[in-house]
């Protein structure tokens, strides 16, 4: 007998017994390699959907829908749902689960069998406006950054990730956990922590805590080449204890040039990467892109 509950018109959620029954039917054993921890608590998926603040016009992108726990909660809250699933067995079963538990909404579900780390805009049937997902912990940050870069239509997001990763994604300058993920996400969007998630709502129970991170895309901060900016950020945090003058010497082509670029950008060469906001990094990247010193140019 099902232990599911309703979440509005036309959708019946999965409970713990439903999740285990589906997994047994498909001979699915959650794997660490794919970061599979299935949510089986209806209250948790309701909480996620509510926190996502979706509108009836939103097209939602869900990464790693798994057995469909969150999928079924999302369907009544949006115009359409595009689910990207890397596991072929799960991707094949999901439309049937939607048809069984949300028959009136099942036509709004579009399942794409693909790796979210490599999926491109032309693979998706619709342009998503919101990302809502329980992301595999081992690739959470790269997936979010890839999707923000690949899908300009994506305006908002709410993702469930490992709690420590959530802290890093939402951290600001000066925080002990502020680093590369914080700055790169800030290039695209304003991020914030949106609440904890109990370990007990997953099957199997993970050995780490989880949390929600929400973000809202903002306008591009600059037309600077993103590759230049991101390589700068990587260099600045590669050796956290070093001053920027020292940490960026290899990236800039020498300590004197690093100091020159930092000074041109209005940044103290004695600062460290964790003290700079994304706007500071943008100014350094702009200086490097547009204001090379004459000594670096070949003589003619």
Protein backbone atom coordinates (compact mmCIF):
# COMPACT_ATOMS: atom_id res chain seq x y z
CA UNK A 1 0.00 0.00 0.00
CA UNK A 2 1.28 3.46 -0.90
CA UNK A 3 2.37 5.82 1.88
CA UNK A 4 2.34 8.85 -0.41
CA UNK A 5 0.47 12.08 0.18
CA UNK A 6 -0.96 14.75 -2.07
CA UNK A 7 0.70 18.05 -2.91
CA UNK A 8 -2.07 19.94 -4.58
CA UNK A 9 -4.25 18.97 -7.51
CA UNK A 10 -3.16 16.08 -9.63
CA UNK A 11 0.03 14.90 -7.89
CA UNK A 12 0.67 12.17 -5.33
CA UNK A 13 4.05 12.22 -3.63
CA UNK A 14 6.36 9.33 -2.88
CA UNK A 15 6.86 8.16 0.68
CA UNK A 16 9.57 5.85 2.10
CA UNK A 17 7.77 2.62 1.13
CA UNK A 18 7.11 3.93 -2.39
CA UNK A 19 10.77 4.82 -2.89
CA UNK A 20 11.95 1.39 -1.78
CA UNK A 21 9.31 -0.36 -3.90
CA UNK A 22 10.35 1.58 -7.01
CA UNK A 23 14.02 0.91 -6.34
CA UNK A 24 13.33 -2.82 -5.93
CA UNK A 25 11.25 -2.86 -9.13
CA UNK A 26 14.13 -1.31 -11.06
CA UNK A 27 16.83 -3.27 -9.21
CA UNK A 28 18.36 0.08 -8.27
CA UNK A 29 21.06 0.25 -5.62
CA UNK A 30 22.02 3.87 -4.92
CA UNK A 31 25.66 4.46 -5.84
CA UNK A 32 28.20 6.87 -4.38
CA UNK A 33 29.68 7.28 -7.88
CA UNK A 34 26.52 9.02 -9.09
CA UNK A 35 25.89 10.69 -5.74
CA UNK A 36 22.53 8.98 -5.39
CA UNK A 37 20.68 9.67 -2.16
CA UNK A 38 16.93 9.58 -2.77
CA UNK A 39 14.64 11.90 -0.81
CA UNK A 40 11.68 9.98 0.59
CA UNK A 41 10.01 12.56 2.83
CA UNK A 42 6.98 14.40 1.36
CA UNK A 43 7.33 17.30 3.80
CA UNK A 44 10.89 17.96 2.63
CA UNK A 45 10.00 18.15 -1.04
CA UNK A 46 7.08 20.45 -0.20
CA UNK A 47 9.53 22.66 1.72
CA UNK A 48 11.88 22.78 -1.26
CA UNK A 49 9.14 23.70 -3.72
CA UNK A 50 7.82 26.39 -1.39
CA UNK A 51 11.30 27.86 -0.86
CA UNK A 52 11.86 27.97 -4.63
CA UNK A 53 9.08 30.60 -4.96
CA UNK A 54 8.07 29.40 -8.41
CA UNK A 55 5.42 31.05 -10.57
CA UNK A 56 2.88 29.27 -12.79
CA UNK A 57 4.86 30.53 -15.82
CA UNK A 58 8.20 29.02 -14.75
CA UNK A 59 9.91 26.29 -16.71
CA UNK A 60 11.86 24.33 -14.11
CA UNK A 61 15.08 22.42 -14.71
CA UNK A 62 15.60 19.50 -12.34
CA UNK A 63 18.97 17.75 -12.32
CA UNK A 64 19.12 14.17 -11.10
CA UNK A 65 15.40 13.55 -10.51
CA UNK A 66 16.11 9.95 -9.51
CA UNK A 67 12.90 8.11 -8.66
CA UNK A 68 10.80 11.28 -8.89
CA UNK A 69 10.23 12.42 -5.31
CA UNK A 70 10.92 16.10 -6.02
CA UNK A 71 9.63 15.86 -9.59
CA UNK A 72 6.12 15.04 -8.41
CA UNK A 73 6.13 18.01 -6.03
CA UNK A 74 7.40 20.39 -8.71
CA UNK A 75 4.90 19.51 -11.44
CA UNK A 76 1.90 21.36 -9.91
CA UNK A 77 4.01 24.46 -9.24
CA UNK A 78 5.23 25.30 -12.74
CA UNK A 79 4.29 25.45 -16.41
CA UNK A 80 6.70 22.72 -17.42
CA UNK A 81 9.48 20.62 -15.95
CA UNK A 82 12.64 19.51 -17.76
CA UNK A 83 14.36 16.69 -15.87
CA UNK A 84 17.96 15.81 -16.78
CA UNK A 85 18.92 12.33 -15.60
CA UNK A 86 22.23 10.56 -16.28
CA UNK A 87 20.98 7.10 -15.26
CA UNK A 88 19.19 5.51 -18.22
CA UNK A 89 17.03 3.20 -16.08
CA UNK A 90 15.79 6.10 -13.95
CA UNK A 91 15.28 8.37 -16.97
CA UNK A 92 13.17 5.69 -18.66
CA UNK A 93 11.00 5.04 -15.59
CA UNK A 94 10.30 8.67 -14.60
CA UNK A 95 7.59 9.45 -17.22
CA UNK A 96 5.67 6.37 -16.13
CA UNK A 97 5.89 7.41 -12.48
CA UNK A 98 4.51 10.85 -13.39
CA UNK A 99 1.72 9.27 -15.43
CA UNK A 100 0.75 7.06 -12.49
CA UNK A 101 0.88 9.72 -9.77
CA UNK A 102 0.20 12.98 -11.61
CA UNK A 103 -1.75 11.94 -14.72
CA UNK A 104 -3.11 15.40 -15.52
CA UNK A 105 0.37 16.96 -15.21
CA UNK A 106 2.50 14.22 -16.77
CA UNK A 107 2.44 15.84 -20.25
CA UNK A 108 4.28 18.82 -18.73
CA UNK A 109 7.27 16.62 -17.87
CA UNK A 110 10.16 16.39 -20.35
CA UNK A 111 12.88 13.89 -19.45
CA UNK A 112 16.34 14.27 -21.00
CA UNK A 113 18.78 11.39 -20.61
CA UNK A 114 22.07 13.27 -20.33
CA UNK A 115 24.94 14.26 -18.06
CA UNK A 116 24.10 17.66 -16.55
CA UNK A 117 27.81 18.50 -16.55
CA UNK A 118 27.82 18.32 -20.35
CA UNK A 119 24.24 19.06 -21.38
CA UNK A 120 23.90 21.91 -23.85
CA UNK A 121 21.17 24.39 -24.55
CA UNK A 122 20.14 22.65 -27.77
CA UNK A 123 19.54 19.35 -25.94
CA UNK A 124 16.71 20.81 -23.88
CA UNK A 125 13.17 20.99 -25.31
CA UNK A 126 12.39 24.25 -23.48
CA UNK A 127 14.40 27.15 -22.07
CA UNK A 128 14.32 26.79 -18.27
CA UNK A 129 13.81 29.80 -16.04
CA UNK A 130 14.49 28.14 -12.66
CA UNK A 131 16.80 25.39 -11.41
CA UNK A 132 15.41 23.28 -8.55
CA UNK A 133 17.34 20.14 -7.72
CA UNK A 134 18.82 17.75 -5.20
CA UNK A 135 22.30 17.78 -6.70
CA UNK A 136 24.84 14.97 -6.50
CA UNK A 137 27.27 16.19 -3.85
CA UNK A 138 30.43 15.34 -5.76
CA UNK A 139 29.61 17.64 -8.71
CA UNK A 140 27.22 20.22 -7.25
CA UNK A 141 29.28 23.38 -7.84
CA UNK A 142 30.51 22.47 -11.35
CA UNK A 143 26.95 21.59 -12.39
CA UNK A 144 25.53 24.92 -11.19
CA UNK A 145 28.32 26.91 -12.86
CA UNK A 146 27.97 24.97 -16.12
CA UNK A 147 24.21 25.47 -16.24
CA UNK A 148 24.43 29.19 -15.49
CA UNK A 149 26.98 29.58 -18.27
CA UNK A 150 25.10 27.42 -20.77
CA UNK A 151 21.53 28.58 -20.06
CA UNK A 152 21.09 32.38 -20.03
CA UNK A 153 17.34 31.90 -19.54
CA UNK A 154 18.02 30.49 -16.04
CA UNK A 155 17.12 33.33 -13.66
CA UNK A 156 16.72 31.67 -10.26
CA UNK A 157 17.72 28.50 -8.48
CA UNK A 158 17.29 26.48 -5.32
CA UNK A 159 19.61 23.51 -4.90
CA UNK A 160 20.16 21.00 -2.15
CA UNK A 161 23.86 20.28 -1.59
CA UNK A 162 26.24 19.14 1.13
CA UNK A 163 26.08 21.65 4.00
CA UNK A 164 29.77 22.55 3.76
CA UNK A 165 29.39 23.19 0.03
CA UNK A 166 26.34 25.35 0.72
CA UNK A 167 28.44 27.44 3.12
CA UNK A 168 31.14 27.91 0.48
CA UNK A 169 28.68 28.77 -2.29
CA UNK A 170 26.99 31.48 -0.22
CA UNK A 171 30.06 32.84 1.62
CA UNK A 172 31.18 36.44 1.38
CA UNK A 173 34.65 38.04 1.51
CA UNK A 174 36.42 37.56 4.82
CA UNK A 175 34.67 34.30 5.66
CA UNK A 176 36.88 31.30 6.48
CA UNK A 177 35.04 29.26 3.82
CA UNK A 178 35.04 31.98 1.15
CA UNK A 179 36.86 30.73 -1.91
CA UNK A 180 36.72 29.75 -5.57
CA UNK A 181 33.08 28.49 -5.57
CA UNK A 182 31.93 31.65 -3.76
CA UNK A 183 33.52 34.02 -6.29
CA UNK A 184 32.59 32.08 -9.42
CA UNK A 185 28.95 31.77 -8.39
CA UNK A 186 28.93 35.48 -7.45
CA UNK A 187 29.99 36.27 -11.03
CA UNK A 188 26.59 35.00 -12.17
CA UNK A 189 24.24 35.42 -9.24
CA UNK A 190 23.54 36.52 -5.69
CA UNK A 191 23.51 33.40 -3.49
CA UNK A 192 22.27 32.76 0.01
CA UNK A 193 21.78 29.81 2.33
CA UNK A 194 18.11 28.85 2.47
CA UNK A 195 17.95 26.38 5.35
CA UNK A 196 19.20 22.98 6.58
CA UNK A 197 17.94 19.55 5.48
CA UNK A 198 17.93 16.58 7.85
CA UNK A 199 19.94 13.47 6.98
CA UNK A 200 16.94 11.33 7.88
CA UNK A 201 14.93 12.36 4.79
CA UNK A 202 17.31 10.46 2.47
CA UNK A 203 17.66 6.84 1.46
CA UNK A 204 20.32 5.73 2.00
CA UNK A 205 21.13 8.10 4.86
CA UNK A 206 24.23 10.12 3.88
CA UNK A 207 27.12 10.61 6.29
CA UNK A 208 27.08 14.39 5.77
CA UNK A 209 24.59 17.16 6.47
CA UNK A 210 22.69 18.89 3.67
CA UNK A 211 21.44 22.42 3.09
CA UNK A 212 19.57 24.52 0.56
CA UNK A 213 21.21 27.30 -1.43
CA UNK A 214 19.12 29.85 -3.32
CA UNK A 215 20.41 32.19 -6.00
CA UNK A 216 19.14 34.95 -8.26
CA UNK A 217 21.00 35.77 -11.45
CA UNK A 218 22.12 39.37 -11.85
CA UNK A 219 23.29 41.29 -14.90
CA UNK A 220 26.84 40.59 -16.01
CA UNK A 221 29.30 42.61 -13.95
CA UNK A 222 31.62 43.17 -16.91
CA UNK A 223 32.35 42.14 -20.47
CA UNK A 224 35.72 40.77 -19.35
CA UNK A 225 36.59 37.30 -20.66
CA UNK A 226 35.23 34.79 -18.15
CA UNK A 227 38.19 32.46 -18.76
CA UNK A 228 40.59 35.22 -17.75
CA UNK A 229 38.53 36.01 -14.66
CA UNK A 230 38.16 32.41 -13.54
CA UNK A 231 41.86 31.63 -14.07
CA UNK A 232 42.63 34.68 -11.93
CA UNK A 233 40.33 33.44 -9.17
CA UNK A 234 41.89 29.97 -9.27
CA UNK A 235 45.36 31.49 -8.95
CA UNK A 236 44.37 33.82 -6.11
CA UNK A 237 43.09 30.95 -3.95
CA UNK A 238 45.67 28.33 -4.92
CA UNK A 239 47.88 29.45 -2.02
CA UNK A 240 45.59 31.11 0.49
CA UNK A 241 48.31 32.27 2.87
CA UNK A 242 50.18 34.24 0.24
CA UNK A 243 49.57 37.87 -0.57
CA UNK A 244 48.00 38.55 -3.95
CA UNK A 245 51.30 39.94 -5.22
CA UNK A 246 52.90 36.54 -4.61
CA UNK A 247 49.90 34.34 -5.40
CA UNK A 248 49.33 36.01 -8.78
CA UNK A 249 52.95 36.19 -9.87
CA UNK A 250 52.73 33.07 -12.00
CA UNK A 251 49.39 34.07 -13.47
CA UNK A 252 50.50 37.62 -14.28
CA UNK A 253 53.98 36.81 -15.55
CA UNK A 254 55.95 37.89 -12.51
CA UNK A 255 55.49 39.57 -9.14
CA UNK A 256 56.18 43.10 -10.47
CA UNK A 257 53.48 42.70 -13.12
CA UNK A 258 51.07 41.27 -10.55
CA UNK A 259 51.70 44.30 -8.35
CA UNK A 260 51.18 46.64 -11.29
CA UNK A 261 47.86 45.03 -12.22
CA UNK A 262 46.64 45.04 -8.63
CA UNK A 263 47.55 48.70 -8.19
CA UNK A 264 45.86 49.58 -11.49
CA UNK A 265 42.72 47.82 -10.25
CA UNK A 266 42.78 49.69 -6.94
CA UNK A 267 43.61 46.56 -4.95
CA UNK A 268 46.32 46.47 -2.27
CA UNK A 269 48.99 43.96 -3.42
CA UNK A 270 49.38 42.94 0.22
CA UNK A 271 45.80 41.71 0.46
CA UNK A 272 44.85 38.04 0.19
CA UNK A 273 42.32 36.50 -2.15
CA UNK A 274 39.78 35.77 0.59
CA UNK A 275 39.49 39.49 1.30
CA UNK A 276 38.36 40.44 -2.22
CA UNK A 277 34.80 40.61 -3.56
CA UNK A 278 33.95 39.46 -7.07
CA UNK A 279 34.01 43.09 -8.24
CA UNK A 280 37.64 43.39 -7.15
CA UNK A 281 38.57 40.32 -9.16
CA UNK A 282 36.72 41.76 -12.16
CA UNK A 283 38.79 44.94 -12.02
CA UNK A 284 42.03 42.95 -11.88
CA UNK A 285 40.94 40.83 -14.85
CA UNK A 286 40.01 43.98 -16.77
CA UNK A 287 43.42 45.49 -16.06
CA UNK A 288 45.10 42.31 -17.28
CA UNK A 289 42.96 42.18 -20.40
CA UNK A 290 43.20 45.78 -21.51
CA UNK A 291 46.25 47.40 -19.97
CA UNK A 292 49.37 45.32 -20.55
CA UNK A 293 52.59 47.21 -19.82
CA UNK A 294 54.87 48.17 -22.70
CA UNK A 295 57.69 45.92 -21.41
CA UNK A 296 55.59 42.85 -22.24
CA UNK A 297 55.01 43.89 -25.84
CA UNK A 298 57.54 42.93 -28.53
CA UNK A 299 59.56 45.81 -29.90
CA UNK A 300 58.98 46.72 -33.53
